Amino acid sequence: MSTDSRTPAADSDLQRALDAVGDPVRRSILRQLADADPWTIACGQFDLPVAKSTLTHHFRSLVDAGLLEQRDEGNRRMNRLVRDEFDRRFPGLLDLVLDQ
Protein backbone atom coordinates (compact mmCIF):
# COMPACT_ATOMS: atom_id res chain seq x y z
CA MET A 1 0.00 0.00 0.00
CA SER A 2 1.31 3.44 -0.89
CA THR A 3 1.94 5.96 1.87
CA ASP A 4 1.94 8.89 -0.53
CA SER A 5 -0.92 11.20 0.48
CA ARG A 6 -0.91 13.15 -2.78
CA THR A 7 -3.67 12.47 -5.23
CA PRO A 8 -3.02 12.01 -8.96
CA ALA A 9 -4.87 15.31 -9.53
CA ALA A 10 -2.54 17.09 -7.09
CA ASP A 11 0.48 15.64 -8.88
CA SER A 12 -0.97 16.81 -12.18
CA ASP A 13 -1.57 20.30 -10.78
CA LEU A 14 2.01 20.49 -9.50
CA GLN A 15 3.40 19.36 -12.84
CA ARG A 16 1.28 21.96 -14.67
CA ALA A 17 2.55 24.67 -12.30
CA LEU A 18 6.19 23.62 -12.73
CA ASP A 19 5.80 23.52 -16.51
CA ALA A 20 4.26 27.00 -16.46
CA VAL A 21 7.01 28.62 -14.39
CA GLY A 22 9.77 26.70 -16.16
CA ASP A 23 9.57 28.73 -19.36
CA PRO A 24 11.58 32.00 -19.54
CA VAL A 25 8.87 33.85 -21.50
CA ARG A 26 6.24 32.92 -18.93
CA ARG A 27 8.57 33.91 -16.08
CA SER A 28 8.95 37.32 -17.75
CA ILE A 29 5.15 37.67 -17.94
CA LEU A 30 4.86 36.74 -14.25
CA ARG A 31 7.52 39.26 -13.22
CA GLN A 32 5.85 42.07 -15.17
CA LEU A 33 2.48 41.23 -13.62
CA ALA A 34 3.96 41.01 -10.12
CA ASP A 35 5.31 44.56 -10.50
CA ALA A 36 1.98 45.97 -11.74
CA ASP A 37 -1.40 46.64 -10.21
CA PRO A 38 -4.05 44.02 -11.02
CA TRP A 39 -5.90 44.42 -14.31
CA THR A 40 -3.56 47.14 -15.63
CA ILE A 41 -1.63 45.24 -18.32
CA ALA A 42 -3.26 44.06 -21.53
CA CYS A 43 -1.87 41.10 -23.47
CA GLY A 44 -0.54 43.39 -26.20
CA GLN A 45 1.48 45.49 -23.74
CA PHE A 46 4.06 42.86 -22.83
CA ASP A 47 7.46 43.47 -24.40
CA LEU A 48 8.37 39.93 -25.42
CA PRO A 49 10.29 38.59 -28.45
CA VAL A 50 7.62 36.09 -29.54
CA ALA A 51 4.85 35.96 -32.13
CA LYS A 52 1.30 36.80 -31.10
CA SER A 53 0.19 33.18 -31.51
CA THR A 54 3.07 32.00 -29.33
CA LEU A 55 2.20 34.60 -26.71
CA THR A 56 -1.38 33.32 -26.68
CA HIS A 57 -0.02 29.84 -25.92
CA HIS A 58 2.03 31.20 -23.01
CA PHE A 59 -0.96 33.04 -21.55
CA ARG A 60 -3.08 29.88 -21.83
CA SER A 61 -0.42 27.87 -19.97
CA LEU A 62 -0.38 30.41 -17.15
CA VAL A 63 -4.19 30.44 -16.94
CA ASP A 64 -4.31 26.62 -16.91
CA ALA A 65 -1.73 26.52 -14.11
CA GLY A 66 -3.82 28.90 -12.00
CA LEU A 67 -1.27 31.72 -12.12
CA LEU A 68 -3.14 34.15 -14.33
CA GLU A 69 -6.67 35.43 -14.65
CA GLN A 70 -7.84 37.29 -17.75
CA ARG A 71 -10.84 39.42 -18.55
CA ASP A 72 -11.93 41.30 -21.64
CA GLU A 73 -12.31 45.07 -21.50
CA GLY A 74 -13.49 46.35 -24.84
CA ASN A 75 -10.99 45.13 -27.41
CA ARG A 76 -8.27 44.39 -24.85
CA ARG A 77 -7.66 41.32 -22.71
CA MET A 78 -6.46 42.39 -19.28
CA ASN A 79 -4.39 40.24 -16.92
CA ARG A 80 -4.05 39.68 -13.21
CA LEU A 81 -1.58 37.53 -11.31
CA VAL A 82 -3.53 35.13 -9.06
CA ARG A 83 -0.90 35.15 -6.38
CA ASP A 84 -2.83 34.40 -3.16
CA GLU A 85 -4.57 31.28 -4.46
CA PHE A 86 -1.42 29.97 -6.14
CA ASP A 87 0.60 30.56 -2.95
CA ARG A 88 -1.95 28.55 -0.95
CA ARG A 89 -1.61 25.63 -3.36
CA PHE A 90 2.17 25.83 -3.81
CA PRO A 91 3.70 27.82 -0.92
CA GLY A 92 6.91 29.62 -1.86
CA LEU A 93 7.04 28.50 -5.50
CA LEU A 94 6.04 31.83 -7.01
CA ASP A 95 8.40 33.79 -4.75
CA LEU A 96 11.23 31.50 -5.82
CA VAL A 97 10.43 32.14 -9.49
CA LEU A 98 10.03 35.90 -9.12
CA ASP A 99 13.31 36.25 -7.19
CA GLN A 100 15.35 34.70 -10.02
C-alpha atoms as a PDB file:
ATOM      1  CA  MET A   1       0.000   0.000   0.000  1.00  0.00           C
ATOM      2  CA  SER A   2       1.313   3.440  -0.889  1.00  0.00           C
ATOM      3  CA  THR A   3       1.940   5.956   1.874  1.00  0.00           C
ATOM      4  CA  ASP A   4       1.936   8.890  -0.531  1.00  0.00           C
ATOM      5  CA  SER A   5      -0.923  11.199   0.478  1.00  0.00           C
ATOM      6  CA  ARG A   6      -0.912  13.154  -2.777  1.00  0.00           C
ATOM      7  CA  THR A   7      -3.669  12.468  -5.232  1.00  0.00           C
ATOM      8  CA  PRO A   8      -3.018  12.015  -8.957  1.00  0.00           C
ATOM      9  CA  ALA A   9      -4.866  15.307  -9.528  1.00  0.00           C
ATOM     10  CA  ALA A  10      -2.545  17.094  -7.087  1.00  0.00           C
ATOM     11  CA  ASP A  11       0.485  15.638  -8.879  1.00  0.00           C
ATOM     12  CA  SER A  12      -0.967  16.809 -12.185  1.00  0.00           C
ATOM     13  CA  ASP A  13      -1.571  20.302 -10.781  1.00  0.00           C
ATOM     14  CA  LEU A  14       2.005  20.491  -9.498  1.00  0.00           C
ATOM     15  CA  GLN A  15       3.403  19.359 -12.844  1.00  0.00           C
ATOM     16  CA  ARG A  16       1.284  21.956 -14.671  1.00  0.00           C
ATOM     17  CA  ALA A  17       2.554  24.670 -12.298  1.00  0.00           C
ATOM     18  CA  LEU A  18       6.187  23.623 -12.734  1.00  0.00           C
ATOM     19  CA  ASP A  19       5.797  23.517 -16.513  1.00  0.00           C
ATOM     20  CA  ALA A  20       4.262  26.998 -16.459  1.00  0.00           C
ATOM     21  CA  VAL A  21       7.009  28.620 -14.386  1.00  0.00           C
ATOM     22  CA  GLY A  22       9.775  26.703 -16.156  1.00  0.00           C
ATOM     23  CA  ASP A  23       9.570  28.732 -19.355  1.00  0.00           C
ATOM     24  CA  PRO A  24      11.582  32.003 -19.539  1.00  0.00           C
ATOM     25  CA  VAL A  25       8.875  33.853 -21.500  1.00  0.00           C
ATOM     26  CA  ARG A  26       6.243  32.916 -18.931  1.00  0.00           C
ATOM     27  CA  ARG A  27       8.567  33.913 -16.084  1.00  0.00           C
ATOM     28  CA  SER A  28       8.949  37.317 -17.748  1.00  0.00           C
ATOM     29  CA  ILE A  29       5.153  37.665 -17.937  1.00  0.00           C
ATOM     30  CA  LEU A  30       4.863  36.740 -14.249  1.00  0.00           C
ATOM     31  CA  ARG A  31       7.524  39.264 -13.217  1.00  0.00           C
ATOM     32  CA  GLN A  32       5.848  42.069 -15.167  1.00  0.00           C
ATOM     33  CA  LEU A  33       2.480  41.232 -13.618  1.00  0.00           C
ATOM     34  CA  ALA A  34       3.963  41.007 -10.119  1.00  0.00           C
ATOM     35  CA  ASP A  35       5.309  44.559 -10.497  1.00  0.00           C
ATOM     36  CA  ALA A  36       1.985  45.970 -11.742  1.00  0.00           C
ATOM     37  CA  ASP A  37      -1.398  46.640 -10.214  1.00  0.00           C
ATOM     38  CA  PRO A  38      -4.054  44.024 -11.016  1.00  0.00           C
ATOM     39  CA  TRP A  39      -5.897  44.419 -14.309  1.00  0.00           C
ATOM     40  CA  THR A  40      -3.564  47.145 -15.630  1.00  0.00           C
ATOM     41  CA  ILE A  41      -1.631  45.239 -18.320  1.00  0.00           C
ATOM     42  CA  ALA A  42      -3.259  44.060 -21.528  1.00  0.00           C
ATOM     43  CA  CYS A  43      -1.869  41.102 -23.471  1.00  0.00           C
ATOM     44  CA  GLY A  44      -0.543  43.392 -26.199  1.00  0.00           C
ATOM     45  CA  GLN A  45       1.476  45.489 -23.738  1.00  0.00           C
ATOM     46  CA  PHE A  46       4.058  42.855 -22.827  1.00  0.00           C
ATOM     47  CA  ASP A  47       7.459  43.465 -24.396  1.00  0.00           C
ATOM     48  CA  LEU A  48       8.373  39.934 -25.420  1.00  0.00           C
ATOM     49  CA  PRO A  49      10.287  38.591 -28.449  1.00  0.00           C
ATOM     50  CA  VAL A  50       7.618  36.094 -29.542  1.00  0.00           C
ATOM     51  CA  ALA A  51       4.850  35.960 -32.132  1.00  0.00           C
ATOM     52  CA  LYS A  52       1.301  36.797 -31.100  1.00  0.00           C
ATOM     53  CA  SER A  53       0.188  33.179 -31.509  1.00  0.00           C
ATOM     54  CA  THR A  54       3.066  32.001 -29.328  1.00  0.00           C
ATOM     55  CA  LEU A  55       2.204  34.597 -26.711  1.00  0.00           C
ATOM     56  CA  THR A  56      -1.381  33.321 -26.677  1.00  0.00           C
ATOM     57  CA  HIS A  57      -0.025  29.836 -25.920  1.00  0.00           C
ATOM     58  CA  HIS A  58       2.031  31.204 -23.012  1.00  0.00           C
ATOM     59  CA  PHE A  59      -0.955  33.041 -21.547  1.00  0.00           C
ATOM     60  CA  ARG A  60      -3.078  29.878 -21.829  1.00  0.00           C
ATOM     61  CA  SER A  61      -0.418  27.870 -19.972  1.00  0.00           C
ATOM     62  CA  LEU A  62      -0.384  30.415 -17.147  1.00  0.00           C
ATOM     63  CA  VAL A  63      -4.189  30.439 -16.935  1.00  0.00           C
ATOM     64  CA  ASP A  64      -4.309  26.625 -16.912  1.00  0.00           C
ATOM     65  CA  ALA A  65      -1.728  26.520 -14.107  1.00  0.00           C
ATOM     66  CA  GLY A  66      -3.816  28.900 -12.002  1.00  0.00           C
ATOM     67  CA  LEU A  67      -1.275  31.724 -12.123  1.00  0.00           C
ATOM     68  CA  LEU A  68      -3.136  34.151 -14.327  1.00  0.00           C
ATOM     69  CA  GLU A  69      -6.675  35.432 -14.652  1.00  0.00           C
ATOM     70  CA  GLN A  70      -7.837  37.287 -17.746  1.00  0.00           C
ATOM     71  CA  ARG A  71     -10.844  39.422 -18.554  1.00  0.00           C
ATOM     72  CA  ASP A  72     -11.927  41.298 -21.641  1.00  0.00           C
ATOM     73  CA  GLU A  73     -12.306  45.069 -21.497  1.00  0.00           C
ATOM     74  CA  GLY A  74     -13.487  46.353 -24.843  1.00  0.00           C
ATOM     75  CA  ASN A  75     -10.986  45.128 -27.414  1.00  0.00           C
ATOM     76  CA  ARG A  76      -8.269  44.391 -24.849  1.00  0.00           C
ATOM     77  CA  ARG A  77      -7.663  41.324 -22.710  1.00  0.00           C
ATOM     78  CA  MET A  78      -6.456  42.390 -19.282  1.00  0.00           C
ATOM     79  CA  ASN A  79      -4.393  40.236 -16.924  1.00  0.00           C
ATOM     80  CA  ARG A  80      -4.053  39.682 -13.210  1.00  0.00           C
ATOM     81  CA  LEU A  81      -1.583  37.534 -11.308  1.00  0.00           C
ATOM     82  CA  VAL A  82      -3.534  35.131  -9.064  1.00  0.00           C
ATOM     83  CA  ARG A  83      -0.895  35.149  -6.375  1.00  0.00           C
ATOM     84  CA  ASP A  84      -2.831  34.396  -3.164  1.00  0.00           C
ATOM     85  CA  GLU A  85      -4.573  31.281  -4.457  1.00  0.00           C
ATOM     86  CA  PHE A  86      -1.418  29.974  -6.142  1.00  0.00           C
ATOM     87  CA  ASP A  87       0.601  30.558  -2.945  1.00  0.00           C
ATOM     88  CA  ARG A  88      -1.947  28.553  -0.953  1.00  0.00           C
ATOM     89  CA  ARG A  89      -1.612  25.634  -3.357  1.00  0.00           C
ATOM     90  CA  PHE A  90       2.171  25.829  -3.810  1.00  0.00           C
ATOM     91  CA  PRO A  91       3.697  27.820  -0.924  1.00  0.00           C
ATOM     92  CA  GLY A  92       6.907  29.617  -1.855  1.00  0.00           C
ATOM     93  CA  LEU A  93       7.040  28.503  -5.499  1.00  0.00           C
ATOM     94  CA  LEU A  94       6.036  31.832  -7.014  1.00  0.00           C
ATOM     95  CA  ASP A  95       8.402  33.787  -4.747  1.00  0.00           C
ATOM     96  CA  LEU A  96      11.228  31.503  -5.825  1.00  0.00           C
ATOM     97  CA  VAL A  97      10.433  32.138  -9.489  1.00  0.00           C
ATOM     98  CA  LEU A  98      10.034  35.902  -9.121  1.00  0.00           C
ATOM     99  CA  ASP A  99      13.313  36.247  -7.194  1.00  0.00           C
ATOM    100  CA  GLN A 100      15.347  34.699 -10.019  1.00  0.00           C
END
